[in-house]
Amino acid sequence: MALAEKFAVNLKSERLRRKLSQEILASKAGLSVSYISMLERGQRTPPLDTLESLARALAVAPTSLLA
C-alpha cells in the first residue's frame, strides 16, 4: 500500500475511533469538510503543515497517520 493510501485509511480510522464527524474534525483542524473527505478518499495528499494540524486535532503523533 502506498504512503498516501495508508494516510487516507489511518486518517479515517482515527477519526472514527474518536467518534468525530468529518465536520467536527474539519473545524478542529481549520480545514473544510470537503477537503477532509478528499483526504479520506485518497484524492488529495496533505502538505506537512496540514498533516500536523490533523494530528493535533486527533491528539495523535503525525507519524501515526503515516504508519
N, C-alpha and C. Protein backbone atom coordinates (compact mmCIF):
# COMPACT_ATOMS: atom_id res chain seq x y z
N MET A 1 0.86 -1.18 0.00
CA MET A 1 0.00 0.00 0.00
C MET A 1 0.90 1.24 0.00
N ALA A 2 0.59 2.19 -0.85
CA ALA A 2 1.36 3.43 -0.95
C ALA A 2 1.14 4.29 0.30
N LEU A 3 2.07 5.15 0.57
CA LEU A 3 2.01 6.01 1.76
C LEU A 3 0.74 6.86 1.76
N ALA A 4 0.36 7.39 0.61
CA ALA A 4 -0.85 8.22 0.53
C ALA A 4 -2.10 7.40 0.87
N GLU A 5 -2.12 6.15 0.45
CA GLU A 5 -3.25 5.27 0.78
C GLU A 5 -3.27 4.97 2.27
N LYS A 6 -2.12 4.71 2.85
CA LYS A 6 -2.04 4.45 4.29
C LYS A 6 -2.55 5.65 5.06
N PHE A 7 -2.13 6.84 4.63
CA PHE A 7 -2.58 8.06 5.30
C PHE A 7 -4.10 8.16 5.27
N ALA A 8 -4.70 7.94 4.10
CA ALA A 8 -6.16 8.04 3.95
C ALA A 8 -6.87 7.07 4.89
N VAL A 9 -6.41 5.83 4.92
CA VAL A 9 -7.01 4.81 5.79
C VAL A 9 -6.83 5.18 7.26
N ASN A 10 -5.63 5.60 7.63
CA ASN A 10 -5.35 5.94 9.03
C ASN A 10 -6.13 7.17 9.49
N LEU A 11 -6.25 8.15 8.62
CA LEU A 11 -6.99 9.36 8.98
C LEU A 11 -8.45 9.01 9.30
N LYS A 12 -9.07 8.26 8.42
CA LYS A 12 -10.47 7.88 8.65
C LYS A 12 -10.61 7.00 9.89
N SER A 13 -9.70 6.06 10.06
CA SER A 13 -9.75 5.17 11.22
C SER A 13 -9.64 5.95 12.53
N GLU A 14 -8.70 6.87 12.58
CA GLU A 14 -8.52 7.67 13.80
C GLU A 14 -9.74 8.55 14.07
N ARG A 15 -10.29 9.13 13.02
CA ARG A 15 -11.48 9.96 13.18
C ARG A 15 -12.65 9.14 13.71
N LEU A 16 -12.88 7.98 13.13
CA LEU A 16 -13.98 7.13 13.58
C LEU A 16 -13.74 6.58 14.99
N ARG A 17 -12.48 6.25 15.29
CA ARG A 17 -12.17 5.74 16.62
C ARG A 17 -12.50 6.76 17.71
N ARG A 18 -12.35 8.03 17.36
CA ARG A 18 -12.66 9.10 18.31
C ARG A 18 -14.11 9.58 18.20
N LYS A 19 -14.88 8.90 17.32
CA LYS A 19 -16.30 9.22 17.14
C LYS A 19 -16.51 10.68 16.73
N LEU A 20 -15.65 11.14 15.81
CA LEU A 20 -15.77 12.50 15.31
C LEU A 20 -16.37 12.46 13.91
N SER A 21 -17.23 13.42 13.63
CA SER A 21 -17.72 13.56 12.26
C SER A 21 -16.66 14.29 11.44
N GLN A 22 -16.80 14.24 10.14
CA GLN A 22 -15.88 14.99 9.29
C GLN A 22 -16.01 16.48 9.59
N GLU A 23 -17.21 16.93 9.91
CA GLU A 23 -17.44 18.34 10.21
C GLU A 23 -16.67 18.77 11.46
N ILE A 24 -16.71 17.95 12.49
CA ILE A 24 -16.02 18.30 13.73
C ILE A 24 -14.50 18.28 13.53
N LEU A 25 -14.00 17.26 12.84
CA LEU A 25 -12.57 17.19 12.57
C LEU A 25 -12.13 18.39 11.73
N ALA A 26 -12.91 18.73 10.72
CA ALA A 26 -12.58 19.88 9.88
C ALA A 26 -12.49 21.15 10.72
N SER A 27 -13.45 21.33 11.60
CA SER A 27 -13.46 22.51 12.47
C SER A 27 -12.24 22.55 13.38
N LYS A 28 -11.92 21.43 14.00
CA LYS A 28 -10.78 21.35 14.91
C LYS A 28 -9.46 21.60 14.20
N ALA A 29 -9.37 21.15 12.94
CA ALA A 29 -8.12 21.26 12.19
C ALA A 29 -8.06 22.54 11.34
N GLY A 30 -9.15 23.29 11.30
CA GLY A 30 -9.17 24.51 10.50
C GLY A 30 -9.21 24.23 9.01
N LEU A 31 -9.91 23.16 8.63
CA LEU A 31 -9.99 22.75 7.23
C LEU A 31 -11.45 22.64 6.82
N SER A 32 -11.68 22.50 5.53
CA SER A 32 -13.06 22.33 5.06
C SER A 32 -13.47 20.86 5.13
N VAL A 33 -14.76 20.64 5.22
CA VAL A 33 -15.30 19.29 5.25
C VAL A 33 -14.99 18.58 3.94
N SER A 34 -15.11 19.28 2.84
CA SER A 34 -14.84 18.64 1.54
C SER A 34 -13.37 18.21 1.44
N TYR A 35 -12.46 18.99 2.02
CA TYR A 35 -11.04 18.62 1.99
C TYR A 35 -10.78 17.37 2.84
N ILE A 36 -11.41 17.30 4.01
CA ILE A 36 -11.30 16.10 4.85
C ILE A 36 -11.80 14.88 4.07
N SER A 37 -12.93 15.03 3.40
CA SER A 37 -13.49 13.94 2.61
C SER A 37 -12.51 13.51 1.51
N MET A 38 -11.93 14.47 0.81
CA MET A 38 -10.98 14.14 -0.26
C MET A 38 -9.74 13.44 0.31
N LEU A 39 -9.29 13.87 1.48
CA LEU A 39 -8.13 13.23 2.11
C LEU A 39 -8.45 11.78 2.46
N GLU A 40 -9.62 11.55 3.04
CA GLU A 40 -10.01 10.20 3.46
C GLU A 40 -10.23 9.26 2.27
N ARG A 41 -10.59 9.82 1.12
CA ARG A 41 -10.78 9.01 -0.07
C ARG A 41 -9.50 8.88 -0.89
N GLY A 42 -8.43 9.51 -0.42
CA GLY A 42 -7.16 9.42 -1.12
C GLY A 42 -7.08 10.27 -2.36
N GLN A 43 -7.97 11.23 -2.49
CA GLN A 43 -7.97 12.10 -3.66
C GLN A 43 -6.99 13.27 -3.52
N ARG A 44 -6.57 13.55 -2.32
CA ARG A 44 -5.59 14.60 -2.05
C ARG A 44 -4.58 14.07 -1.04
N THR A 45 -3.38 14.59 -1.11
CA THR A 45 -2.38 14.32 -0.08
C THR A 45 -2.03 15.66 0.56
N PRO A 46 -1.96 15.69 1.88
CA PRO A 46 -1.80 16.97 2.56
C PRO A 46 -0.34 17.42 2.62
N PRO A 47 -0.13 18.73 2.63
CA PRO A 47 1.22 19.23 2.94
C PRO A 47 1.52 18.95 4.42
N LEU A 48 2.77 19.05 4.79
CA LEU A 48 3.17 18.71 6.16
C LEU A 48 2.47 19.55 7.22
N ASP A 49 2.23 20.82 6.97
CA ASP A 49 1.55 21.64 7.99
C ASP A 49 0.11 21.18 8.19
N THR A 50 -0.53 20.70 7.14
CA THR A 50 -1.89 20.15 7.27
C THR A 50 -1.86 18.82 8.01
N LEU A 51 -0.88 18.00 7.72
CA LEU A 51 -0.72 16.74 8.44
C LEU A 51 -0.57 17.01 9.93
N GLU A 52 0.21 18.01 10.26
CA GLU A 52 0.40 18.38 11.67
C GLU A 52 -0.90 18.88 12.30
N SER A 53 -1.67 19.67 11.58
CA SER A 53 -2.96 20.17 12.10
C SER A 53 -3.93 19.03 12.35
N LEU A 54 -3.97 18.09 11.43
CA LEU A 54 -4.86 16.94 11.59
C LEU A 54 -4.43 16.09 12.78
N ALA A 55 -3.15 15.86 12.92
CA ALA A 55 -2.65 15.07 14.04
C ALA A 55 -2.99 15.74 15.37
N ARG A 56 -2.82 17.05 15.42
CA ARG A 56 -3.14 17.80 16.64
C ARG A 56 -4.63 17.70 16.94
N ALA A 57 -5.48 17.82 15.92
CA ALA A 57 -6.92 17.74 16.11
C ALA A 57 -7.36 16.36 16.59
N LEU A 58 -6.61 15.33 16.17
CA LEU A 58 -6.93 13.96 16.58
C LEU A 58 -6.16 13.53 17.84
N ALA A 59 -5.28 14.38 18.33
CA ALA A 59 -4.44 14.09 19.50
C ALA A 59 -3.59 12.84 19.29
N VAL A 60 -2.95 12.77 18.12
CA VAL A 60 -2.04 11.67 17.80
C VAL A 60 -0.74 12.26 17.27
N ALA A 61 0.28 11.45 17.23
CA ALA A 61 1.55 11.85 16.62
C ALA A 61 1.37 11.87 15.11
N PRO A 62 1.92 12.86 14.43
CA PRO A 62 1.80 12.90 12.96
C PRO A 62 2.26 11.60 12.29
N THR A 63 3.26 10.98 12.83
CA THR A 63 3.78 9.74 12.23
C THR A 63 2.76 8.60 12.30
N SER A 64 1.85 8.64 13.27
CA SER A 64 0.85 7.58 13.38
C SER A 64 -0.13 7.61 12.19
N LEU A 65 -0.28 8.78 11.57
CA LEU A 65 -1.16 8.86 10.41
C LEU A 65 -0.49 8.31 9.15
N LEU A 66 0.80 8.11 9.22
CA LEU A 66 1.55 7.60 8.06
C LEU A 66 1.98 6.15 8.21
N ALA A 67 1.83 5.61 9.42
CA ALA A 67 2.32 4.25 9.69
C ALA A 67 1.48 3.18 9.03
